[in-house]
Amino acid sequence: MIPDPHTEHGVEDLCPEGTELYERALGSGHVSPQDAKGAPCLLDLGLLHPALDDAGRLEPVPPDVALTRLLRGARARITEEWRLEQRLVELFEPLMNVQVPARAATDSPALRLLSGTRRINQAIGESMTEARQEVLCVQPHAGLVGDRGAQARPAAFERDQAFLDRGGRIRTLYQNTLRHVPNVFAYAEMLKGDNVARGLDEVPDRLIVIDRTVAFLPAKDDGSLALEVRHPALIDYLVTAFDRLWRLATPMFPKAELRPTVNGVTPRQQAIAALLVDGHTDAVIAQRLGMNIRTARVHIAKLAATLGSESRAQLGYLIARSGILDTAESAP
């Protein structure tokens, strides 16, 4: 059985495993590297270190030494924050005398364009810090896999878990193709709290709605621009659209529910069949269902073999005659 991955945390949130091992190390004077595998945080946080005379033995840093070092770091961060505050005051105080048009004089504009991944994540993080009730998310395939997804996960986990710890709930709509991506399920399982996910064959672009007061939408395909929305009418529209998609979606987490195969045709092939009947190309089908074109063509070939089709035109006819689309439309 593979052990659960150790969640990264700060020293102020020392995990039970780390606390127990640190106490044991203080009592005996050392522990082995094998013992530390269950609590790698102690090495990361500098509470254990290899012995000078024996690299196979880990010795604890005395608590008074560790506390002094940590307090020194905390004071340094407080000092830096104070210096930043002073610099911001010096920068903006003269600008407060500038006459601002009434149209621009607002702390929370209804629409704001955010540029750059850092600024976007900062704005989302600030809104999540204030949130207490509900976060609604739409997560298509793009942006959750590859380097972009790997870079986003650590920051997203910290703010999502903090929100769940405050008693909030998270509802996420994924594309059904993400059912087979291990990172998606690993992330969901790491979060502790009221976190539920459902899947659809097709979803709109990424969306985050926080406490039904602010929403974030992509404003550029590469994720470098985002639109922050605070207009109540637009928020209501986005929430209504999400709720309707949510009712059509199939549960993914914490308990997965799969649509049944019908006459040898899988749910994925049913989704492809619907797009084939509408006349879409392989490239468009792949893009809309969140898969690469090679995978889409493999599914199309299997669908044709299942229905006994010998041509693209015949495949459309056989799809319509098979009734599989009627079954797919009636599925929950």
Foldseek 3Di string as FASTA:
>chain_A
DDDQDDDDDAPVCQDPLRVVVLVVLVVVFWDFVVSCVVPVVCVVLVQWDADPVGNRIIGGDDPVVSVVVVVVVVVVVVVVVVVVVVVVCVVCVVVVPDDDPPVPPDPDDQKDKFFAPVRVLVVVLVLLVPFAEEKEKEAELPQCDDPNNVVPLVSVLVSQQVNQVSVYAYEYEYAPVCLPPVVVVSSVVVRDHRYWYFYDQFDDAIKMQTPLQWMWAAPDPVRRMIMIGGDNVVSVVVVVVRVVVVVLTATRPPDGDADDADLNQGLNLLQLLVVLLVPDDLCVSCVRRVHHSVVSVVSVVSQCVSQVHDDSVVSNVSSVVVCSNVVSVPDD
